[in-house]
Amino acid sequence: MPTFEVLGLHFGISKTEANDTFHYWLKILRSILPASLLEQVEKQDSDYAIARSALPFGQSR
């Protein structure tokens, strides 16, 4: 099953809306995070927590 179809099913939206929303947020994340960190997360899922902590709104309170 294609990724955006699964994403759409998970959030109760169409795969087109899932695709559009994903790319909307990807553009924002690319402007906030260094490219090297995004590439690292793409290659290694376990580095997701590192990327999340780098976001101003991603840190635990």
C-alpha atoms as a PDB file:
ATOM      1  CA  MET A   1       0.000   0.000   0.000  1.00  0.00           C
ATOM      2  CA  PRO A   2       1.520   3.394  -0.938  1.00  0.00           C
ATOM      3  CA  THR A   3       2.720   5.615   1.909  1.00  0.00           C
ATOM      4  CA  PHE A   4       0.292   8.495   1.381  1.00  0.00           C
ATOM      5  CA  GLU A   5      -2.639   6.119   1.182  1.00  0.00           C
ATOM      6  CA  VAL A   6      -1.661   4.687   4.587  1.00  0.00           C
ATOM      7  CA  LEU A   7      -1.135   8.182   5.979  1.00  0.00           C
ATOM      8  CA  GLY A   8      -4.557   9.212   4.682  1.00  0.00           C
ATOM      9  CA  LEU A   9      -6.230   6.186   6.238  1.00  0.00           C
ATOM     10  CA  HIS A  10      -4.482   6.820   9.544  1.00  0.00           C
ATOM     11  CA  PHE A  11      -5.652  10.443   9.749  1.00  0.00           C
ATOM     12  CA  GLY A  12      -8.985  10.002   7.970  1.00  0.00           C
ATOM     13  CA  ILE A  13      -8.075  12.133   4.947  1.00  0.00           C
ATOM     14  CA  SER A  14      -7.541  11.479   1.252  1.00  0.00           C
ATOM     15  CA  LYS A  15      -4.135  10.387  -0.002  1.00  0.00           C
ATOM     16  CA  THR A  16      -3.956  13.648  -1.973  1.00  0.00           C
ATOM     17  CA  GLU A  17      -4.506  15.699   1.178  1.00  0.00           C
ATOM     18  CA  ALA A  18      -1.967  13.525   3.026  1.00  0.00           C
ATOM     19  CA  ASN A  19       0.573  14.176   0.266  1.00  0.00           C
ATOM     20  CA  ASP A  20      -0.111  17.918   0.244  1.00  0.00           C
ATOM     21  CA  THR A  21       0.113  18.160   4.037  1.00  0.00           C
ATOM     22  CA  PHE A  22       3.333  16.129   4.151  1.00  0.00           C
ATOM     23  CA  HIS A  23       5.022  18.349   1.603  1.00  0.00           C
ATOM     24  CA  TYR A  24       3.748  21.488   3.337  1.00  0.00           C
ATOM     25  CA  TRP A  25       5.409  20.434   6.600  1.00  0.00           C
ATOM     26  CA  LEU A  26       8.513  19.118   4.859  1.00  0.00           C
ATOM     27  CA  LYS A  27       9.123  22.592   3.420  1.00  0.00           C
ATOM     28  CA  ILE A  28       8.834  24.108   6.917  1.00  0.00           C
ATOM     29  CA  LEU A  29      11.105  21.481   8.486  1.00  0.00           C
ATOM     30  CA  ARG A  30      13.726  22.005   5.786  1.00  0.00           C
ATOM     31  CA  SER A  31      13.788  25.709   6.623  1.00  0.00           C
ATOM     32  CA  ILE A  32      14.248  24.998  10.366  1.00  0.00           C
ATOM     33  CA  LEU A  33      16.544  21.964  10.466  1.00  0.00           C
ATOM     34  CA  PRO A  34      19.942  21.571   8.834  1.00  0.00           C
ATOM     35  CA  ALA A  35      19.845  19.373   5.726  1.00  0.00           C
ATOM     36  CA  SER A  36      22.350  16.971   7.241  1.00  0.00           C
ATOM     37  CA  LEU A  37      20.010  16.253  10.167  1.00  0.00           C
ATOM     38  CA  LEU A  38      17.055  15.549   7.855  1.00  0.00           C
ATOM     39  CA  GLU A  39      19.203  13.194   5.767  1.00  0.00           C
ATOM     40  CA  GLN A  40      20.367  11.434   8.927  1.00  0.00           C
ATOM     41  CA  VAL A  41      16.765  10.844  10.061  1.00  0.00           C
ATOM     42  CA  GLU A  42      15.825   9.530   6.590  1.00  0.00           C
ATOM     43  CA  LYS A  43      18.598   6.933   6.849  1.00  0.00           C
ATOM     44  CA  GLN A  44      18.186   6.036  10.523  1.00  0.00           C
ATOM     45  CA  ASP A  45      14.739   6.119  12.170  1.00  0.00           C
ATOM     46  CA  SER A  46      16.318   5.933  15.618  1.00  0.00           C
ATOM     47  CA  ASP A  47      17.693   9.469  15.118  1.00  0.00           C
ATOM     48  CA  TYR A  48      14.148  10.876  15.060  1.00  0.00           C
ATOM     49  CA  ALA A  49      14.439  11.924  18.733  1.00  0.00           C
ATOM     50  CA  ILE A  50      17.558  13.956  17.942  1.00  0.00           C
ATOM     51  CA  ALA A  51      15.749  15.810  15.169  1.00  0.00           C
ATOM     52  CA  ARG A  52      12.712  16.375  17.361  1.00  0.00           C
ATOM     53  CA  SER A  53      14.814  17.885  20.130  1.00  0.00           C
ATOM     54  CA  ALA A  54      16.344  20.306  17.600  1.00  0.00           C
ATOM     55  CA  LEU A  55      12.922  21.816  16.900  1.00  0.00           C
ATOM     56  CA  PRO A  56      11.906  24.762  19.067  1.00  0.00           C
ATOM     57  CA  PHE A  57       8.501  23.176  19.707  1.00  0.00           C
ATOM     58  CA  GLY A  58       9.719  19.557  19.912  1.00  0.00           C
ATOM     59  CA  GLN A  59      11.289  19.555  23.337  1.00  0.00           C
ATOM     60  CA  SER A  60       9.590  18.015  26.349  1.00  0.00           C
ATOM     61  CA  ARG A  61       8.449  20.401  29.051  1.00  0.00           C
END
